[in-house]
Amino acid sequence: MRRLLLITGLFACGCLTAAQHSGAVRAADQFIPGATVTARQGGAKLVTYTDEDGRYQLDLTPGKWEIQIEMLGFRTLHGQVVGAE
């Protein structure tokens, strides 16, 4: 099974309660469109999909978030990001 590569960035403004988390999903130097990106924190769950360029965006509240990326034919990728406070 092929492996996904997650490229992420976290942008925040001190005046906001949520931080924009964005990233891209790649495999073998190719961006992967249509991958499911799920973020969980406690009981909160956010789901989005990568666009035609393999990119995605999520608005995350402060704290640790578990990130999961899934795509048919690929191994599921798990990670963690921290929403800026």
N, C-alpha and C. Protein backbone atom coordinates (compact mmCIF):
# COMPACT_ATOMS: atom_id res chain seq x y z
N MET A 1 0.84 -1.17 0.00
CA MET A 1 0.00 0.00 0.00
C MET A 1 0.89 1.24 0.00
N ARG A 2 0.52 2.21 -0.77
CA ARG A 2 1.33 3.43 -0.86
C ARG A 2 1.16 4.29 0.39
N ARG A 3 2.07 5.20 0.58
CA ARG A 3 2.08 6.04 1.76
C ARG A 3 1.83 7.49 1.37
N LEU A 4 0.98 8.18 2.15
CA LEU A 4 0.68 9.59 1.94
C LEU A 4 1.67 10.45 2.70
N LEU A 5 2.00 11.60 2.16
CA LEU A 5 2.86 12.57 2.81
C LEU A 5 2.03 13.80 3.09
N LEU A 6 2.07 14.28 4.30
CA LEU A 6 1.31 15.45 4.72
C LEU A 6 2.24 16.63 4.86
N ILE A 7 1.90 17.71 4.17
CA ILE A 7 2.65 18.95 4.28
C ILE A 7 1.70 19.95 4.92
N THR A 8 2.09 20.51 6.05
CA THR A 8 1.16 21.39 6.76
C THR A 8 1.78 22.72 7.11
N GLY A 9 0.89 23.67 7.35
CA GLY A 9 1.27 24.98 7.84
C GLY A 9 0.18 25.46 8.78
N LEU A 10 0.53 26.28 9.74
CA LEU A 10 -0.44 26.77 10.69
C LEU A 10 -0.32 28.29 10.75
N PHE A 11 -1.42 28.96 10.49
CA PHE A 11 -1.43 30.42 10.47
C PHE A 11 -2.44 30.89 11.51
N ALA A 12 -2.07 31.90 12.29
CA ALA A 12 -2.97 32.37 13.33
C ALA A 12 -2.79 33.86 13.56
N CYS A 13 -3.84 34.45 14.06
CA CYS A 13 -3.83 35.84 14.48
C CYS A 13 -4.22 35.84 15.94
N GLY A 14 -3.51 36.55 16.78
CA GLY A 14 -3.80 36.57 18.20
C GLY A 14 -5.20 37.05 18.54
N CYS A 15 -5.86 37.77 17.63
CA CYS A 15 -7.18 38.31 17.90
C CYS A 15 -8.29 37.32 17.56
N LEU A 16 -7.98 36.19 16.96
CA LEU A 16 -8.99 35.23 16.55
C LEU A 16 -9.06 34.07 17.53
N THR A 17 -10.23 33.43 17.62
CA THR A 17 -10.37 32.26 18.48
C THR A 17 -10.07 30.98 17.71
N ALA A 18 -9.97 31.05 16.42
CA ALA A 18 -9.64 29.87 15.62
C ALA A 18 -8.42 30.19 14.74
N ALA A 19 -7.64 29.16 14.49
CA ALA A 19 -6.46 29.31 13.63
C ALA A 19 -6.70 28.54 12.35
N GLN A 20 -6.26 29.11 11.24
CA GLN A 20 -6.41 28.41 9.97
C GLN A 20 -5.24 27.45 9.81
N HIS A 21 -5.58 26.19 9.67
CA HIS A 21 -4.59 25.14 9.43
C HIS A 21 -4.74 24.73 7.97
N SER A 22 -3.65 24.75 7.24
CA SER A 22 -3.72 24.35 5.84
C SER A 22 -2.57 23.40 5.55
N GLY A 23 -2.75 22.60 4.54
CA GLY A 23 -1.72 21.64 4.18
C GLY A 23 -1.98 21.04 2.82
N ALA A 24 -1.15 20.09 2.45
CA ALA A 24 -1.29 19.40 1.17
C ALA A 24 -0.95 17.93 1.40
N VAL A 25 -1.56 17.07 0.60
CA VAL A 25 -1.33 15.64 0.70
C VAL A 25 -0.67 15.18 -0.58
N ARG A 26 0.47 14.44 -0.43
CA ARG A 26 1.23 13.97 -1.59
C ARG A 26 1.60 12.50 -1.41
N ALA A 27 1.82 11.85 -2.52
CA ALA A 27 2.36 10.49 -2.54
C ALA A 27 3.25 10.41 -3.76
N ALA A 28 4.47 9.92 -3.59
CA ALA A 28 5.42 9.78 -4.69
C ALA A 28 5.53 11.07 -5.51
N ASP A 29 5.66 12.19 -4.80
CA ASP A 29 5.81 13.52 -5.42
C ASP A 29 4.62 13.95 -6.27
N GLN A 30 3.45 13.32 -6.06
CA GLN A 30 2.22 13.72 -6.74
C GLN A 30 1.21 14.17 -5.69
N PHE A 31 0.56 15.31 -5.93
CA PHE A 31 -0.47 15.77 -5.01
C PHE A 31 -1.71 14.91 -5.20
N ILE A 32 -2.40 14.61 -4.08
CA ILE A 32 -3.53 13.69 -4.08
C ILE A 32 -4.85 14.45 -3.87
N PRO A 33 -5.66 14.60 -4.93
CA PRO A 33 -6.97 15.23 -4.78
C PRO A 33 -7.99 14.24 -4.21
N GLY A 34 -8.96 14.75 -3.47
CA GLY A 34 -10.06 13.92 -2.98
C GLY A 34 -9.78 13.13 -1.71
N ALA A 35 -8.64 13.36 -1.06
CA ALA A 35 -8.36 12.67 0.21
C ALA A 35 -9.23 13.28 1.31
N THR A 36 -9.68 12.45 2.24
CA THR A 36 -10.48 12.91 3.37
C THR A 36 -9.56 13.31 4.52
N VAL A 37 -9.72 14.53 5.01
CA VAL A 37 -8.93 15.04 6.13
C VAL A 37 -9.88 15.27 7.29
N THR A 38 -9.66 14.56 8.40
CA THR A 38 -10.51 14.65 9.58
C THR A 38 -9.68 15.16 10.75
N ALA A 39 -10.21 16.16 11.46
CA ALA A 39 -9.56 16.71 12.65
C ALA A 39 -10.50 16.47 13.84
N ARG A 40 -9.94 15.96 14.95
CA ARG A 40 -10.74 15.70 16.15
C ARG A 40 -10.06 16.32 17.37
N GLN A 41 -10.91 16.91 18.22
CA GLN A 41 -10.45 17.44 19.51
C GLN A 41 -11.59 17.23 20.49
N GLY A 42 -11.40 16.31 21.45
CA GLY A 42 -12.50 15.99 22.37
C GLY A 42 -13.70 15.50 21.56
N GLY A 43 -14.85 16.13 21.75
CA GLY A 43 -16.06 15.76 21.01
C GLY A 43 -16.21 16.47 19.69
N ALA A 44 -15.30 17.39 19.39
CA ALA A 44 -15.39 18.16 18.13
C ALA A 44 -14.78 17.36 16.98
N LYS A 45 -15.40 17.45 15.82
CA LYS A 45 -14.90 16.76 14.63
C LYS A 45 -15.12 17.65 13.41
N LEU A 46 -14.05 17.88 12.66
CA LEU A 46 -14.12 18.65 11.42
C LEU A 46 -13.64 17.76 10.28
N VAL A 47 -14.34 17.80 9.16
CA VAL A 47 -13.98 16.98 8.00
C VAL A 47 -13.92 17.87 6.77
N THR A 48 -12.87 17.69 5.98
CA THR A 48 -12.76 18.38 4.69
C THR A 48 -12.08 17.43 3.71
N TYR A 49 -11.97 17.86 2.48
CA TYR A 49 -11.36 17.04 1.42
C TYR A 49 -10.31 17.86 0.70
N THR A 50 -9.29 17.20 0.20
CA THR A 50 -8.28 17.92 -0.57
C THR A 50 -8.86 18.32 -1.92
N ASP A 51 -8.44 19.48 -2.39
CA ASP A 51 -8.93 19.99 -3.68
C ASP A 51 -8.15 19.34 -4.83
N GLU A 52 -8.36 19.81 -6.04
CA GLU A 52 -7.72 19.22 -7.22
C GLU A 52 -6.19 19.32 -7.18
N ASP A 53 -5.67 20.22 -6.32
CA ASP A 53 -4.22 20.37 -6.16
C ASP A 53 -3.70 19.66 -4.91
N GLY A 54 -4.55 18.87 -4.25
CA GLY A 54 -4.14 18.15 -3.05
C GLY A 54 -4.09 18.99 -1.80
N ARG A 55 -4.64 20.21 -1.84
CA ARG A 55 -4.57 21.12 -0.69
C ARG A 55 -5.89 21.11 0.09
N TYR A 56 -5.78 21.46 1.39
CA TYR A 56 -6.97 21.55 2.24
C TYR A 56 -6.77 22.67 3.26
N GLN A 57 -7.90 23.09 3.89
CA GLN A 57 -7.87 24.10 4.95
C GLN A 57 -8.89 23.73 6.02
N LEU A 58 -8.51 23.97 7.28
CA LEU A 58 -9.40 23.76 8.41
C LEU A 58 -9.25 24.94 9.36
N ASP A 59 -10.34 25.37 10.00
CA ASP A 59 -10.29 26.39 11.04
C ASP A 59 -10.33 25.68 12.38
N LEU A 60 -9.21 25.67 13.10
CA LEU A 60 -9.08 24.93 14.35
C LEU A 60 -9.05 25.88 15.54
N THR A 61 -9.76 25.51 16.60
CA THR A 61 -9.70 26.26 17.85
C THR A 61 -8.39 25.91 18.56
N PRO A 62 -7.97 26.70 19.54
CA PRO A 62 -6.71 26.42 20.23
C PRO A 62 -6.68 25.04 20.88
N GLY A 63 -5.50 24.46 20.94
CA GLY A 63 -5.30 23.17 21.58
C GLY A 63 -4.84 22.10 20.60
N LYS A 64 -4.64 20.89 21.12
CA LYS A 64 -4.17 19.77 20.30
C LYS A 64 -5.33 19.16 19.50
N TRP A 65 -5.08 18.88 18.25
CA TRP A 65 -6.04 18.24 17.35
C TRP A 65 -5.40 16.99 16.76
N GLU A 66 -6.14 15.91 16.74
CA GLU A 66 -5.72 14.69 16.06
C GLU A 66 -6.15 14.80 14.60
N ILE A 67 -5.23 14.58 13.69
CA ILE A 67 -5.51 14.68 12.25
C ILE A 67 -5.41 13.28 11.65
N GLN A 68 -6.38 12.95 10.80
CA GLN A 68 -6.37 11.67 10.09
C GLN A 68 -6.61 11.95 8.61
N ILE A 69 -5.81 11.33 7.75
CA ILE A 69 -5.96 11.51 6.31
C ILE A 69 -6.16 10.14 5.68
N GLU A 70 -7.25 10.04 4.91
CA GLU A 70 -7.61 8.77 4.29
C GLU A 70 -7.83 8.94 2.80
N MET A 71 -7.44 7.91 2.05
CA MET A 71 -7.67 7.87 0.61
C MET A 71 -7.66 6.41 0.19
N LEU A 72 -8.63 6.01 -0.59
CA LEU A 72 -8.73 4.64 -1.07
C LEU A 72 -7.43 4.25 -1.77
N GLY A 73 -6.89 3.09 -1.41
CA GLY A 73 -5.65 2.62 -2.01
C GLY A 73 -4.39 3.06 -1.29
N PHE A 74 -4.54 3.86 -0.22
CA PHE A 74 -3.41 4.35 0.55
C PHE A 74 -3.58 3.97 2.01
N ARG A 75 -2.47 3.88 2.72
CA ARG A 75 -2.51 3.66 4.16
C ARG A 75 -2.97 4.95 4.84
N THR A 76 -3.80 4.82 5.87
CA THR A 76 -4.29 5.99 6.61
C THR A 76 -3.14 6.62 7.38
N LEU A 77 -3.06 7.94 7.33
CA LEU A 77 -2.02 8.70 8.02
C LEU A 77 -2.63 9.39 9.24
N HIS A 78 -1.96 9.29 10.39
CA HIS A 78 -2.40 9.93 11.63
C HIS A 78 -1.33 10.92 12.07
N GLY A 79 -1.77 12.04 12.60
CA GLY A 79 -0.83 13.04 13.11
C GLY A 79 -1.51 13.93 14.12
N GLN A 80 -0.77 14.91 14.59
CA GLN A 80 -1.30 15.84 15.58
C GLN A 80 -0.79 17.24 15.24
N VAL A 81 -1.68 18.21 15.37
CA VAL A 81 -1.31 19.61 15.23
C VAL A 81 -1.83 20.36 16.44
N VAL A 82 -1.27 21.52 16.68
CA VAL A 82 -1.71 22.36 17.80
C VAL A 82 -2.25 23.66 17.23
N GLY A 83 -3.53 23.92 17.52
CA GLY A 83 -4.14 25.19 17.14
C GLY A 83 -3.55 26.29 18.00
N ALA A 84 -3.16 27.38 17.38
CA ALA A 84 -2.53 28.49 18.11
C ALA A 84 -3.54 29.15 19.05
N GLU A 85 -3.01 29.65 20.16
CA GLU A 85 -3.86 30.33 21.14
C GLU A 85 -3.78 31.81 21.00
